[in-house]
All heavy atoms as atom14 arrays in JSON, in Angstrom:
{
  "sequence": "LALLGTVVLASLLPCRGQVAEVFGTVTTAAIALLFFLHGAKLSRDAVI",
  "atom14_mask": [
    [1, 1, 1, 1, 1, 1, 1, 1, 0, 0, 0, 0, 0, 0],
    [1, 1, 1, 1, 1, 0, 0, 0, 0, 0, 0, 0, 0, 0],
    [1, 1, 1, 1, 1, 1, 1, 1, 0, 0, 0, 0, 0, 0],
    [1, 1, 1, 1, 1, 1, 1, 1, 0, 0, 0, 0, 0, 0],
    [1, 1, 1, 1, 0, 0, 0, 0, 0, 0, 0, 0, 0, 0],
    [1, 1, 1, 1, 1, 1, 1, 0, 0, 0, 0, 0, 0, 0],
    [1, 1, 1, 1, 1, 1, 1, 0, 0, 0, 0, 0, 0, 0],
    [1, 1, 1, 1, 1, 1, 1, 0, 0, 0, 0, 0, 0, 0],
    [1, 1, 1, 1, 1, 1, 1, 1, 0, 0, 0, 0, 0, 0],
    [1, 1, 1, 1, 1, 0, 0, 0, 0, 0, 0, 0, 0, 0],
    [1, 1, 1, 1, 1, 1, 0, 0, 0, 0, 0, 0, 0, 0],
    [1, 1, 1, 1, 1, 1, 1, 1, 0, 0, 0, 0, 0, 0],
    [1, 1, 1, 1, 1, 1, 1, 1, 0, 0, 0, 0, 0, 0],
    [1, 1, 1, 1, 1, 1, 1, 0, 0, 0, 0, 0, 0, 0],
    [1, 1, 1, 1, 1, 1, 0, 0, 0, 0, 0, 0, 0, 0],
    [1, 1, 1, 1, 1, 1, 1, 1, 1, 1, 1, 0, 0, 0],
    [1, 1, 1, 1, 0, 0, 0, 0, 0, 0, 0, 0, 0, 0],
    [1, 1, 1, 1, 1, 1, 1, 1, 1, 0, 0, 0, 0, 0],
    [1, 1, 1, 1, 1, 1, 1, 0, 0, 0, 0, 0, 0, 0],
    [1, 1, 1, 1, 1, 0, 0, 0, 0, 0, 0, 0, 0, 0],
    [1, 1, 1, 1, 1, 1, 1, 1, 1, 0, 0, 0, 0, 0],
    [1, 1, 1, 1, 1, 1, 1, 0, 0, 0, 0, 0, 0, 0],
    [1, 1, 1, 1, 1, 1, 1, 1, 1, 1, 1, 0, 0, 0],
    [1, 1, 1, 1, 0, 0, 0, 0, 0, 0, 0, 0, 0, 0],
    [1, 1, 1, 1, 1, 1, 1, 0, 0, 0, 0, 0, 0, 0],
    [1, 1, 1, 1, 1, 1, 1, 0, 0, 0, 0, 0, 0, 0],
    [1, 1, 1, 1, 1, 1, 1, 0, 0, 0, 0, 0, 0, 0],
    [1, 1, 1, 1, 1, 1, 1, 0, 0, 0, 0, 0, 0, 0],
    [1, 1, 1, 1, 1, 0, 0, 0, 0, 0, 0, 0, 0, 0],
    [1, 1, 1, 1, 1, 0, 0, 0, 0, 0, 0, 0, 0, 0],
    [1, 1, 1, 1, 1, 1, 1, 1, 0, 0, 0, 0, 0, 0],
    [1, 1, 1, 1, 1, 0, 0, 0, 0, 0, 0, 0, 0, 0],
    [1, 1, 1, 1, 1, 1, 1, 1, 0, 0, 0, 0, 0, 0],
    [1, 1, 1, 1, 1, 1, 1, 1, 0, 0, 0, 0, 0, 0],
    [1, 1, 1, 1, 1, 1, 1, 1, 1, 1, 1, 0, 0, 0],
    [1, 1, 1, 1, 1, 1, 1, 1, 1, 1, 1, 0, 0, 0],
    [1, 1, 1, 1, 1, 1, 1, 1, 0, 0, 0, 0, 0, 0],
    [1, 1, 1, 1, 1, 1, 1, 1, 1, 1, 0, 0, 0, 0],
    [1, 1, 1, 1, 0, 0, 0, 0, 0, 0, 0, 0, 0, 0],
    [1, 1, 1, 1, 1, 0, 0, 0, 0, 0, 0, 0, 0, 0],
    [1, 1, 1, 1, 1, 1, 1, 1, 1, 0, 0, 0, 0, 0],
    [1, 1, 1, 1, 1, 1, 1, 1, 0, 0, 0, 0, 0, 0],
    [1, 1, 1, 1, 1, 1, 0, 0, 0, 0, 0, 0, 0, 0],
    [1, 1, 1, 1, 1, 1, 1, 1, 1, 1, 1, 0, 0, 0],
    [1, 1, 1, 1, 1, 1, 1, 1, 0, 0, 0, 0, 0, 0],
    [1, 1, 1, 1, 1, 0, 0, 0, 0, 0, 0, 0, 0, 0],
    [1, 1, 1, 1, 1, 1, 1, 0, 0, 0, 0, 0, 0, 0],
    [1, 1, 1, 1, 1, 1, 1, 1, 0, 0, 0, 0, 0, 0]
  ],
  "atom14_positions": [
    [[-14.79, 4.17, -2.68], [-15.58, 3.65, -1.46], [-14.73, 2.83, -0.61], [-14.79, 2.83, 0.64], [-16.88, 2.81, -1.97], [-17.82, 3.62, -2.75], [-19.01, 2.6, -3.25], [-18.49, 4.71, -2.01], [0.0, 0.0, 0.0], [0.0, 0.0, 0.0], [0.0, 0.0, 0.0], [0.0, 0.0, 0.0], [0.0, 0.0, 0.0], [0.0, 0.0, 0.0]],
    [[-13.7, 2.15, -1.26], [-12.81, 1.3, -0.48], [-11.85, 2.12, 0.39], [-11.54, 1.84, 1.68], [-12.08, 0.33, -1.45], [0.0, 0.0, 0.0], [0.0, 0.0, 0.0], [0.0, 0.0, 0.0], [0.0, 0.0, 0.0], [0.0, 0.0, 0.0], [0.0, 0.0, 0.0], [0.0, 0.0, 0.0], [0.0, 0.0, 0.0], [0.0, 0.0, 0.0]],
    [[-11.43, 3.25, -0.3], [-10.57, 4.13, 0.5], [-11.25, 4.84, 1.72], [-10.67, 4.82, 2.85], [-10.08, 5.27, -0.45], [-8.96, 4.98, -1.32], [-8.87, 6.11, -2.38], [-7.59, 4.81, -0.54], [0.0, 0.0, 0.0], [0.0, 0.0, 0.0], [0.0, 0.0, 0.0], [0.0, 0.0, 0.0], [0.0, 0.0, 0.0], [0.0, 0.0, 0.0]],
    [[-12.46, 5.16, 1.48], [-13.3, 5.77, 2.69], [-13.45, 4.68, 3.64], [-13.44, 4.96, 4.94], [-14.54, 6.32, 2.12], [-14.53, 7.46, 1.15], [-15.9, 7.82, 0.63], [-13.91, 8.62, 1.84], [0.0, 0.0, 0.0], [0.0, 0.0, 0.0], [0.0, 0.0, 0.0], [0.0, 0.0, 0.0], [0.0, 0.0, 0.0], [0.0, 0.0, 0.0]],
    [[-13.83, 3.37, 3.23], [-14.1, 2.34, 4.16], [-12.73, 1.95, 4.95], [-12.83, 1.7, 6.18], [0.0, 0.0, 0.0], [0.0, 0.0, 0.0], [0.0, 0.0, 0.0], [0.0, 0.0, 0.0], [0.0, 0.0, 0.0], [0.0, 0.0, 0.0], [0.0, 0.0, 0.0], [0.0, 0.0, 0.0], [0.0, 0.0, 0.0], [0.0, 0.0, 0.0]],
    [[-11.6, 2.21, 4.41], [-10.41, 1.95, 4.99], [-10.05, 2.91, 6.09], [-9.55, 2.57, 7.15], [-9.19, 1.84, 3.93], [-9.39, 0.82, 2.98], [-7.83, 1.61, 4.6], [0.0, 0.0, 0.0], [0.0, 0.0, 0.0], [0.0, 0.0, 0.0], [0.0, 0.0, 0.0], [0.0, 0.0, 0.0], [0.0, 0.0, 0.0], [0.0, 0.0, 0.0]],
    [[-10.4, 4.24, 5.72], [-10.19, 5.19, 6.8], [-11.21, 5.03, 8.01], [-10.78, 5.1, 9.01], [-10.57, 6.56, 6.23], [-10.56, 7.73, 7.24], [-9.54, 6.98, 5.06], [0.0, 0.0, 0.0], [0.0, 0.0, 0.0], [0.0, 0.0, 0.0], [0.0, 0.0, 0.0], [0.0, 0.0, 0.0], [0.0, 0.0, 0.0], [0.0, 0.0, 0.0]],
    [[-12.4, 4.58, 7.66], [-13.43, 4.18, 8.79], [-12.89, 3.13, 9.64], [-12.89, 3.15, 10.86], [-14.74, 3.93, 8.18], [-15.62, 3.52, 9.24], [-15.33, 5.19, 7.56], [0.0, 0.0, 0.0], [0.0, 0.0, 0.0], [0.0, 0.0, 0.0], [0.0, 0.0, 0.0], [0.0, 0.0, 0.0], [0.0, 0.0, 0.0], [0.0, 0.0, 0.0]],
    [[-12.31, 2.03, 8.93], [-11.85, 0.85, 9.64], [-10.6, 1.24, 10.51], [-10.44, 0.84, 11.64], [-11.4, -0.11, 8.69], [-10.82, -1.51, 9.26], [-11.9, -2.17, 10.12], [-10.37, -2.4, 8.18], [0.0, 0.0, 0.0], [0.0, 0.0, 0.0], [0.0, 0.0, 0.0], [0.0, 0.0, 0.0], [0.0, 0.0, 0.0], [0.0, 0.0, 0.0]],
    [[-9.81, 2.02, 10.03], [-8.68, 2.42, 10.85], [-8.96, 3.34, 11.95], [-8.35, 3.39, 13.08], [-7.59, 3.22, 9.8], [0.0, 0.0, 0.0], [0.0, 0.0, 0.0], [0.0, 0.0, 0.0], [0.0, 0.0, 0.0], [0.0, 0.0, 0.0], [0.0, 0.0, 0.0], [0.0, 0.0, 0.0], [0.0, 0.0, 0.0], [0.0, 0.0, 0.0]],
    [[-10.08, 4.0, 11.73], [-10.48, 4.94, 12.94], [-11.16, 4.22, 13.98], [-11.13, 4.46, 15.16], [-11.68, 6.01, 12.4], [-10.95, 6.82, 11.27], [0.0, 0.0, 0.0], [0.0, 0.0, 0.0], [0.0, 0.0, 0.0], [0.0, 0.0, 0.0], [0.0, 0.0, 0.0], [0.0, 0.0, 0.0], [0.0, 0.0, 0.0], [0.0, 0.0, 0.0]],
    [[-11.95, 3.09, 13.62], [-12.58, 2.26, 14.57], [-11.77, 1.16, 15.25], [-11.76, 0.89, 16.37], [-13.88, 1.65, 14.03], [-14.9, 2.64, 13.48], [-16.02, 1.96, 12.83], [-15.48, 3.51, 14.63], [0.0, 0.0, 0.0], [0.0, 0.0, 0.0], [0.0, 0.0, 0.0], [0.0, 0.0, 0.0], [0.0, 0.0, 0.0], [0.0, 0.0, 0.0]],
    [[-10.91, 0.65, 14.36], [-10.0, -0.58, 14.76], [-8.68, -0.3, 14.35], [-8.08, -1.03, 13.43], [-10.55, -1.77, 14.2], [-12.08, -2.29, 14.56], [-12.5, -3.54, 13.87], [-11.92, -2.63, 16.18], [0.0, 0.0, 0.0], [0.0, 0.0, 0.0], [0.0, 0.0, 0.0], [0.0, 0.0, 0.0], [0.0, 0.0, 0.0], [0.0, 0.0, 0.0]],
    [[-7.9, 0.61, 14.82], [-6.51, 0.95, 14.4], [-5.64, -0.22, 14.87], [-5.97, -0.72, 15.93], [-6.22, 2.14, 15.21], [-7.04, 2.25, 16.29], [-8.39, 1.58, 15.9], [0.0, 0.0, 0.0], [0.0, 0.0, 0.0], [0.0, 0.0, 0.0], [0.0, 0.0, 0.0], [0.0, 0.0, 0.0], [0.0, 0.0, 0.0], [0.0, 0.0, 0.0]],
    [[-4.54, -0.52, 14.07], [-3.58, -1.59, 14.64], [-2.62, -0.81, 15.54], [-2.23, 0.33, 15.35], [-2.86, -2.18, 13.34], [-1.95, -0.93, 12.37], [0.0, 0.0, 0.0], [0.0, 0.0, 0.0], [0.0, 0.0, 0.0], [0.0, 0.0, 0.0], [0.0, 0.0, 0.0], [0.0, 0.0, 0.0], [0.0, 0.0, 0.0], [0.0, 0.0, 0.0]],
    [[-2.2, -1.66, 16.61], [-1.39, -0.99, 17.71], [-0.29, -2.05, 17.94], [-0.29, -3.21, 17.68], [-2.22, -0.79, 18.97], [-3.58, 0.15, 18.74], [-4.33, 0.0, 19.98], [-5.56, 0.84, 19.82], [-5.6, 2.03, 20.22], [-4.67, 2.73, 20.69], [-6.88, 2.7, 20.04], [0.0, 0.0, 0.0], [0.0, 0.0, 0.0], [0.0, 0.0, 0.0]],
    [[0.8, -1.53, 18.61], [1.83, -2.36, 19.23], [2.44, -3.2, 18.25], [2.95, -2.77, 17.21], [0.0, 0.0, 0.0], [0.0, 0.0, 0.0], [0.0, 0.0, 0.0], [0.0, 0.0, 0.0], [0.0, 0.0, 0.0], [0.0, 0.0, 0.0], [0.0, 0.0, 0.0], [0.0, 0.0, 0.0], [0.0, 0.0, 0.0], [0.0, 0.0, 0.0]],
    [[2.66, -4.58, 18.54], [3.42, -5.45, 17.65], [2.67, -5.6, 16.33], [3.36, -5.86, 15.23], [3.61, -6.77, 18.35], [4.53, -6.69, 19.59], [4.96, -8.05, 20.21], [4.11, -8.95, 19.93], [5.83, -8.1, 20.89], [0.0, 0.0, 0.0], [0.0, 0.0, 0.0], [0.0, 0.0, 0.0], [0.0, 0.0, 0.0], [0.0, 0.0, 0.0]],
    [[1.3, -5.63, 16.36], [0.53, -5.78, 15.17], [0.86, -4.55, 14.24], [1.0, -4.79, 13.05], [-0.99, -5.7, 15.5], [-1.86, -5.79, 14.23], [-1.32, -6.86, 16.31], [0.0, 0.0, 0.0], [0.0, 0.0, 0.0], [0.0, 0.0, 0.0], [0.0, 0.0, 0.0], [0.0, 0.0, 0.0], [0.0, 0.0, 0.0], [0.0, 0.0, 0.0]],
    [[0.96, -3.38, 14.86], [1.34, -2.17, 13.99], [2.75, -2.33, 13.39], [3.05, -1.94, 12.19], [1.31, -0.83, 14.86], [0.0, 0.0, 0.0], [0.0, 0.0, 0.0], [0.0, 0.0, 0.0], [0.0, 0.0, 0.0], [0.0, 0.0, 0.0], [0.0, 0.0, 0.0], [0.0, 0.0, 0.0], [0.0, 0.0, 0.0], [0.0, 0.0, 0.0]],
    [[3.64, -2.89, 14.06], [5.01, -3.16, 13.7], [4.99, -4.11, 12.48], [5.8, -3.98, 11.49], [5.94, -3.71, 14.7], [6.13, -2.71, 15.87], [7.0, -3.33, 16.98], [7.56, -4.39, 16.73], [7.32, -2.6, 17.99], [0.0, 0.0, 0.0], [0.0, 0.0, 0.0], [0.0, 0.0, 0.0], [0.0, 0.0, 0.0], [0.0, 0.0, 0.0]],
    [[4.22, -5.16, 12.51], [4.05, -6.13, 11.39], [3.44, -5.41, 10.23], [4.04, -5.62, 9.16], [3.14, -7.27, 11.9], [2.84, -8.27, 10.71], [3.88, -8.13, 12.94], [0.0, 0.0, 0.0], [0.0, 0.0, 0.0], [0.0, 0.0, 0.0], [0.0, 0.0, 0.0], [0.0, 0.0, 0.0], [0.0, 0.0, 0.0], [0.0, 0.0, 0.0]],
    [[2.38, -4.65, 10.52], [1.83, -3.96, 9.37], [2.85, -3.01, 8.67], [2.82, -2.84, 7.4], [0.49, -3.17, 9.8], [-0.66, -3.93, 9.68], [-1.14, -4.77, 10.69], [-1.56, -3.9, 8.57], [-2.39, -5.43, 10.6], [-2.62, -4.54, 8.4], [-3.13, -5.4, 9.24], [0.0, 0.0, 0.0], [0.0, 0.0, 0.0], [0.0, 0.0, 0.0]],
    [[3.73, -2.37, 9.6], [4.74, -1.5, 9.07], [5.61, -2.18, 8.1], [5.95, -1.7, 7.0], [0.0, 0.0, 0.0], [0.0, 0.0, 0.0], [0.0, 0.0, 0.0], [0.0, 0.0, 0.0], [0.0, 0.0, 0.0], [0.0, 0.0, 0.0], [0.0, 0.0, 0.0], [0.0, 0.0, 0.0], [0.0, 0.0, 0.0], [0.0, 0.0, 0.0]],
    [[6.03, -3.44, 8.48], [6.99, -4.18, 7.65], [6.32, -4.62, 6.31], [6.85, -4.47, 5.18], [7.5, -5.39, 8.36], [8.05, -4.97, 9.53], [8.38, -6.21, 7.61], [0.0, 0.0, 0.0], [0.0, 0.0, 0.0], [0.0, 0.0, 0.0], [0.0, 0.0, 0.0], [0.0, 0.0, 0.0], [0.0, 0.0, 0.0], [0.0, 0.0, 0.0]],
    [[5.03, -5.02, 6.48], [4.25, -5.47, 5.3], [4.03, -4.36, 4.4], [4.04, -4.54, 3.14], [3.03, -6.14, 5.64], [2.29, -6.45, 4.54], [3.23, -7.43, 6.47], [0.0, 0.0, 0.0], [0.0, 0.0, 0.0], [0.0, 0.0, 0.0], [0.0, 0.0, 0.0], [0.0, 0.0, 0.0], [0.0, 0.0, 0.0], [0.0, 0.0, 0.0]],
    [[3.72, -3.15, 4.85], [3.55, -1.96, 4.06], [4.83, -1.49, 3.25], [4.68, -1.24, 2.09], [3.21, -0.84, 5.13], [1.88, -1.0, 5.69], [3.01, 0.52, 4.28], [0.0, 0.0, 0.0], [0.0, 0.0, 0.0], [0.0, 0.0, 0.0], [0.0, 0.0, 0.0], [0.0, 0.0, 0.0], [0.0, 0.0, 0.0], [0.0, 0.0, 0.0]],
    [[5.94, -1.61, 3.99], [7.28, -1.33, 3.31], [7.34, -2.26, 1.99], [7.69, -1.82, 0.86], [8.41, -1.52, 4.22], [8.32, -0.66, 5.25], [9.76, -1.2, 3.38], [0.0, 0.0, 0.0], [0.0, 0.0, 0.0], [0.0, 0.0, 0.0], [0.0, 0.0, 0.0], [0.0, 0.0, 0.0], [0.0, 0.0, 0.0], [0.0, 0.0, 0.0]],
    [[7.02, -3.51, 2.25], [7.15, -4.43, 1.04], [6.15, -4.1, 0.09], [6.35, -4.3, -1.18], [7.0, -5.9, 1.58], [0.0, 0.0, 0.0], [0.0, 0.0, 0.0], [0.0, 0.0, 0.0], [0.0, 0.0, 0.0], [0.0, 0.0, 0.0], [0.0, 0.0, 0.0], [0.0, 0.0, 0.0], [0.0, 0.0, 0.0], [0.0, 0.0, 0.0]],
    [[4.95, -3.8, 0.43], [3.75, -3.45, -0.47], [4.05, -2.3, -1.33], [3.8, -2.23, -2.48], [2.59, -3.23, 0.33], [0.0, 0.0, 0.0], [0.0, 0.0, 0.0], [0.0, 0.0, 0.0], [0.0, 0.0, 0.0], [0.0, 0.0, 0.0], [0.0, 0.0, 0.0], [0.0, 0.0, 0.0], [0.0, 0.0, 0.0], [0.0, 0.0, 0.0]],
    [[4.8, -1.28, -0.68], [5.19, -0.07, -1.5], [6.21, -0.53, -2.5], [6.06, 0.04, -3.69], [5.79, 1.05, -0.52], [4.67, 1.65, 0.4], [6.37, 2.16, -1.36], [5.08, 2.59, 1.45], [0.0, 0.0, 0.0], [0.0, 0.0, 0.0], [0.0, 0.0, 0.0], [0.0, 0.0, 0.0], [0.0, 0.0, 0.0], [0.0, 0.0, 0.0]],
    [[7.12, -1.29, -2.18], [8.16, -1.68, -3.22], [7.52, -2.42, -4.32], [7.72, -2.19, -5.52], [9.22, -2.68, -2.42], [0.0, 0.0, 0.0], [0.0, 0.0, 0.0], [0.0, 0.0, 0.0], [0.0, 0.0, 0.0], [0.0, 0.0, 0.0], [0.0, 0.0, 0.0], [0.0, 0.0, 0.0], [0.0, 0.0, 0.0], [0.0, 0.0, 0.0]],
    [[6.48, -3.38, -4.02], [5.86, -4.07, -5.0], [5.0, -3.19, -5.83], [4.88, -3.28, -7.14], [4.88, -5.14, -4.27], [3.87, -5.87, -5.28], [4.74, -6.7, -6.23], [2.95, -6.86, -4.46], [0.0, 0.0, 0.0], [0.0, 0.0, 0.0], [0.0, 0.0, 0.0], [0.0, 0.0, 0.0], [0.0, 0.0, 0.0], [0.0, 0.0, 0.0]],
    [[4.33, -2.05, -5.19], [3.56, -1.16, -6.04], [4.37, -0.4, -7.03], [3.97, -0.29, -8.26], [3.01, -0.14, -4.98], [2.29, 1.03, -5.64], [0.91, 0.46, -6.27], [1.84, 2.06, -4.58], [0.0, 0.0, 0.0], [0.0, 0.0, 0.0], [0.0, 0.0, 0.0], [0.0, 0.0, 0.0], [0.0, 0.0, 0.0], [0.0, 0.0, 0.0]],
    [[5.56, 0.04, -6.64], [6.32, 0.8, -7.6], [7.02, -0.17, -8.65], [7.43, 0.1, -9.77], [7.37, 1.58, -7.0], [6.85, 2.88, -6.57], [5.99, 3.07, -5.47], [7.14, 4.09, -7.4], [5.37, 4.34, -5.22], [6.39, 5.29, -7.12], [5.63, 5.36, -6.06], [0.0, 0.0, 0.0], [0.0, 0.0, 0.0], [0.0, 0.0, 0.0]],
    [[7.26, -1.46, -8.26], [7.79, -2.49, -9.15], [6.77, -2.61, -10.26], [7.11, -2.76, -11.41], [8.13, -3.76, -8.43], [8.4, -4.92, -9.32], [9.78, -5.08, -9.78], [7.46, -5.86, -9.8], [10.09, -6.06, -10.69], [7.9, -6.81, -10.66], [9.16, -7.0, -11.2], [0.0, 0.0, 0.0], [0.0, 0.0, 0.0], [0.0, 0.0, 0.0]],
    [[5.51, -2.7, -9.88], [4.5, -2.99, -10.88], [4.24, -1.58, -11.82], [3.96, -1.83, -12.96], [3.06, -3.21, -10.13], [3.03, -4.61, -9.46], [1.72, -4.86, -8.72], [3.08, -5.78, -10.46], [0.0, 0.0, 0.0], [0.0, 0.0, 0.0], [0.0, 0.0, 0.0], [0.0, 0.0, 0.0], [0.0, 0.0, 0.0], [0.0, 0.0, 0.0]],
    [[4.36, -0.57, -11.17], [4.41, 0.72, -11.9], [5.51, 0.61, -13.04], [5.23, 1.07, -14.16], [4.63, 1.95, -11.14], [3.42, 2.35, -10.3], [2.25, 2.4, -10.86], [3.29, 2.98, -9.12], [1.37, 2.85, -9.84], [1.95, 3.17, -8.84], [0.0, 0.0, 0.0], [0.0, 0.0, 0.0], [0.0, 0.0, 0.0], [0.0, 0.0, 0.0]],
    [[6.69, 0.22, -12.73], [7.63, 0.12, -13.69], [7.38, -0.89, -14.81], [7.73, -0.66, -15.84], [0.0, 0.0, 0.0], [0.0, 0.0, 0.0], [0.0, 0.0, 0.0], [0.0, 0.0, 0.0], [0.0, 0.0, 0.0], [0.0, 0.0, 0.0], [0.0, 0.0, 0.0], [0.0, 0.0, 0.0], [0.0, 0.0, 0.0], [0.0, 0.0, 0.0]],
    [[6.81, -2.04, -14.44], [6.59, -3.27, -15.43], [5.37, -2.74, -16.16], [5.3, -3.28, -17.27], [6.07, -4.34, -14.55], [0.0, 0.0, 0.0], [0.0, 0.0, 0.0], [0.0, 0.0, 0.0], [0.0, 0.0, 0.0], [0.0, 0.0, 0.0], [0.0, 0.0, 0.0], [0.0, 0.0, 0.0], [0.0, 0.0, 0.0], [0.0, 0.0, 0.0]],
    [[4.46, -1.8, -15.79], [3.22, -1.41, -16.57], [3.67, -0.4, -17.63], [2.95, -0.28, -18.56], [2.19, -1.05, -15.67], [1.45, -2.16, -14.95], [0.29, -1.62, -14.22], [0.6, -0.53, -13.18], [-0.75, -0.16, -12.4], [0.0, 0.0, 0.0], [0.0, 0.0, 0.0], [0.0, 0.0, 0.0], [0.0, 0.0, 0.0], [0.0, 0.0, 0.0]],
    [[4.66, 0.49, -17.31], [4.87, 1.71, -18.07], [5.54, 1.29, -19.45], [6.57, 0.7, -19.51], [5.75, 2.66, -17.4], [6.19, 3.95, -18.03], [4.92, 4.64, -18.36], [7.08, 4.8, -17.15], [0.0, 0.0, 0.0], [0.0, 0.0, 0.0], [0.0, 0.0, 0.0], [0.0, 0.0, 0.0], [0.0, 0.0, 0.0], [0.0, 0.0, 0.0]],
    [[4.93, 1.71, -20.53], [5.35, 1.32, -21.91], [6.41, 2.3, -22.29], [6.05, 3.62, -22.44], [4.1, 1.19, -22.86], [4.73, 1.21, -24.09], [0.0, 0.0, 0.0], [0.0, 0.0, 0.0], [0.0, 0.0, 0.0], [0.0, 0.0, 0.0], [0.0, 0.0, 0.0], [0.0, 0.0, 0.0], [0.0, 0.0, 0.0], [0.0, 0.0, 0.0]],
    [[7.55, 2.01, -22.54], [8.64, 2.96, -23.03], [8.32, 3.52, -24.45], [8.58, 4.64, -24.73], [9.91, 2.33, -22.99], [10.69, 2.25, -21.66], [11.85, 1.18, -21.64], [11.35, -0.12, -21.57], [12.2, -1.1, -21.48], [13.51, -0.93, -21.35], [11.74, -2.39, -21.27], [0.0, 0.0, 0.0], [0.0, 0.0, 0.0], [0.0, 0.0, 0.0]],
    [[7.57, 2.71, -25.19], [7.3, 3.18, -26.57], [6.31, 4.36, -26.43], [6.43, 5.28, -27.27], [6.55, 1.95, -27.27], [7.61, 0.85, -27.64], [8.73, 1.15, -27.66], [7.05, -0.3, -27.91], [0.0, 0.0, 0.0], [0.0, 0.0, 0.0], [0.0, 0.0, 0.0], [0.0, 0.0, 0.0], [0.0, 0.0, 0.0], [0.0, 0.0, 0.0]],
    [[5.27, 4.25, -25.54], [4.42, 5.36, -25.35], [5.08, 6.6, -24.87], [4.71, 7.71, -25.35], [3.33, 4.99, -24.47], [0.0, 0.0, 0.0], [0.0, 0.0, 0.0], [0.0, 0.0, 0.0], [0.0, 0.0, 0.0], [0.0, 0.0, 0.0], [0.0, 0.0, 0.0], [0.0, 0.0, 0.0], [0.0, 0.0, 0.0], [0.0, 0.0, 0.0]],
    [[5.98, 6.55, -24.12], [6.71, 7.64, -23.54], [7.51, 8.23, -24.7], [7.58, 9.47, -24.93], [7.6, 7.29, -22.42], [8.43, 8.5, -22.01], [6.72, 6.75, -21.3], [0.0, 0.0, 0.0], [0.0, 0.0, 0.0], [0.0, 0.0, 0.0], [0.0, 0.0, 0.0], [0.0, 0.0, 0.0], [0.0, 0.0, 0.0], [0.0, 0.0, 0.0]],
    [[8.38, 7.49, -25.34], [9.22, 7.9, -26.54], [8.27, 8.57, -27.64], [8.71, 9.71, -28.13], [10.01, 6.75, -27.12], [10.94, 6.28, -26.08], [10.78, 7.14, -28.28], [11.75, 5.0, -26.36], [0.0, 0.0, 0.0], [0.0, 0.0, 0.0], [0.0, 0.0, 0.0], [0.0, 0.0, 0.0], [0.0, 0.0, 0.0], [0.0, 0.0, 0.0]]
  ]
}
């Protein structure tokens, strides 16, 4: 539901201009954090 709500929000109130640039920078950092957490959560014992 949150994903659908996010799409609706972006459709009605999209970020533009300098705000979009700020969101782009924050998004890059968020992606790095996301995959850092993926690495921290993955148990090597389970994989082996």
